Amino acid sequence: MEVGLTHYLAVSALLFCLGLFGVLTRRNAVAILMGIELILNAANINFVAFNKYVSPGAVSGQIFALVVITLAACEAAVGLALVMAAYRGLETAYVDEINLMKW
């Protein structure tokens, strides 16, 4: 059995759904950031899979995936800094309890 494009797309869809579920159901800001990371990784799988099967030999899918990985690292750094600042000020990491008007 050979792994085809549909297998990659199925894994990517599952990863995207898990990330979306994590973003929509979690209250903790760190868990929401982890869900966003899963969504971005699903997009990376799509970029690389379509690059492999639609235009073999090209590297545009890998370049887009590297850009997304760089963006995800920046998002994680800024997001965690914001969570730490909110935790320091409000002593909670739950997004429904964080209200900027209280600061």
Protein backbone atom coordinates (compact mmCIF):
# COMPACT_ATOMS: atom_id res chain seq x y z
CA MET A 1 0.00 0.00 0.00
CA GLU A 2 1.40 3.35 -1.03
CA VAL A 3 0.76 6.55 0.88
CA GLY A 4 -1.04 8.98 -1.40
CA LEU A 5 -2.27 12.53 -1.31
CA THR A 6 -5.57 11.54 0.29
CA HIS A 7 -3.74 10.04 3.26
CA TYR A 8 -1.85 13.28 3.86
CA LEU A 9 -5.05 15.28 3.51
CA ALA A 10 -6.86 13.01 5.97
CA VAL A 11 -4.10 13.42 8.56
CA SER A 12 -4.09 17.16 7.96
CA ALA A 13 -7.87 17.39 8.34
CA LEU A 14 -7.73 15.39 11.57
CA LEU A 15 -4.98 17.62 12.93
CA PHE A 16 -6.92 20.73 11.92
CA CYS A 17 -10.08 19.47 13.62
CA LEU A 18 -8.18 18.65 16.81
CA GLY A 19 -6.64 22.12 16.80
CA LEU A 20 -9.99 23.79 16.16
CA PHE A 21 -11.55 21.74 18.95
CA GLY A 22 -8.76 22.84 21.28
CA VAL A 23 -9.18 26.50 20.38
CA LEU A 24 -12.95 26.49 20.76
CA THR A 25 -13.28 24.44 23.94
CA ARG A 26 -10.34 25.44 26.13
CA ARG A 27 -10.35 28.28 28.62
CA ASN A 28 -6.63 28.29 29.33
CA ALA A 29 -4.66 30.64 27.09
CA VAL A 30 -1.71 28.24 26.76
CA ALA A 31 -4.03 25.44 25.58
CA ILE A 32 -5.54 27.81 23.02
CA LEU A 33 -2.06 28.63 21.72
CA MET A 34 -1.34 24.91 21.42
CA GLY A 35 -4.52 24.50 19.36
CA ILE A 36 -3.38 27.28 17.05
CA GLU A 37 -0.06 25.48 16.63
CA LEU A 38 -1.92 22.31 15.60
CA ILE A 39 -3.87 24.27 13.00
CA LEU A 40 -0.68 25.75 11.57
CA ASN A 41 0.95 22.30 11.44
CA ALA A 42 -2.07 21.01 9.50
CA ALA A 43 -1.52 23.79 6.98
CA ASN A 44 2.16 22.80 6.73
CA ILE A 45 1.23 19.21 5.95
CA ASN A 46 -1.06 20.46 3.17
CA PHE A 47 1.65 22.70 1.71
CA VAL A 48 4.22 19.92 1.58
CA ALA A 49 1.78 17.24 0.36
CA PHE A 50 0.43 19.37 -2.48
CA ASN A 51 3.96 20.35 -3.41
CA LYS A 52 4.98 16.71 -3.61
CA TYR A 53 2.03 15.47 -5.65
CA VAL A 54 1.03 18.50 -7.76
CA SER A 55 4.43 19.89 -8.73
CA PRO A 56 7.16 17.35 -7.96
CA GLY A 57 10.67 18.71 -7.95
CA ALA A 58 9.61 22.20 -6.86
CA VAL A 59 10.37 23.53 -3.40
CA SER A 60 7.68 26.18 -3.05
CA GLY A 61 5.63 24.08 -0.61
CA GLN A 62 8.62 23.58 1.66
CA ILE A 63 9.42 27.30 1.56
CA PHE A 64 5.84 28.17 2.53
CA ALA A 65 6.04 25.61 5.34
CA LEU A 66 9.25 27.20 6.64
CA VAL A 67 7.58 30.62 6.58
CA VAL A 68 4.62 29.22 8.53
CA ILE A 69 6.97 27.56 11.05
CA THR A 70 8.75 30.89 11.54
CA LEU A 71 5.42 32.65 11.97
CA ALA A 72 4.32 30.01 14.48
CA ALA A 73 7.49 30.51 16.52
CA CYS A 74 6.90 34.27 16.60
CA GLU A 75 3.26 33.74 17.52
CA ALA A 76 4.22 31.41 20.34
CA ALA A 77 6.79 33.83 21.73
CA VAL A 78 4.49 36.85 21.63
CA GLY A 79 1.47 34.86 22.81
CA LEU A 80 3.32 33.36 25.77
CA ALA A 81 4.69 36.80 26.69
CA LEU A 82 1.15 38.16 26.72
CA VAL A 83 -0.07 35.24 28.81
CA MET A 84 2.75 35.75 31.30
CA ALA A 85 1.98 39.47 31.54
CA ALA A 86 -1.70 38.76 32.09
CA TYR A 87 -0.89 36.11 34.69
CA ARG A 88 1.43 38.49 36.51
CA GLY A 89 -1.20 41.21 36.64
CA LEU A 90 -4.37 39.20 37.14
CA GLU A 91 -3.05 35.89 38.53
CA THR A 92 -5.07 33.86 36.03
CA ALA A 93 -4.49 32.35 32.60
CA TYR A 94 -8.17 31.77 31.78
CA VAL A 95 -9.19 33.86 28.81
CA ASP A 96 -12.74 34.45 30.01
CA GLU A 97 -11.45 35.96 33.27
CA ILE A 98 -8.89 38.22 31.62
CA ASN A 99 -10.46 41.63 31.07
CA LEU A 100 -8.18 44.41 29.92
CA MET A 101 -10.43 47.06 31.44
CA LYS A 102 -9.38 45.89 34.91
CA TRP A 103 -5.73 46.76 34.35
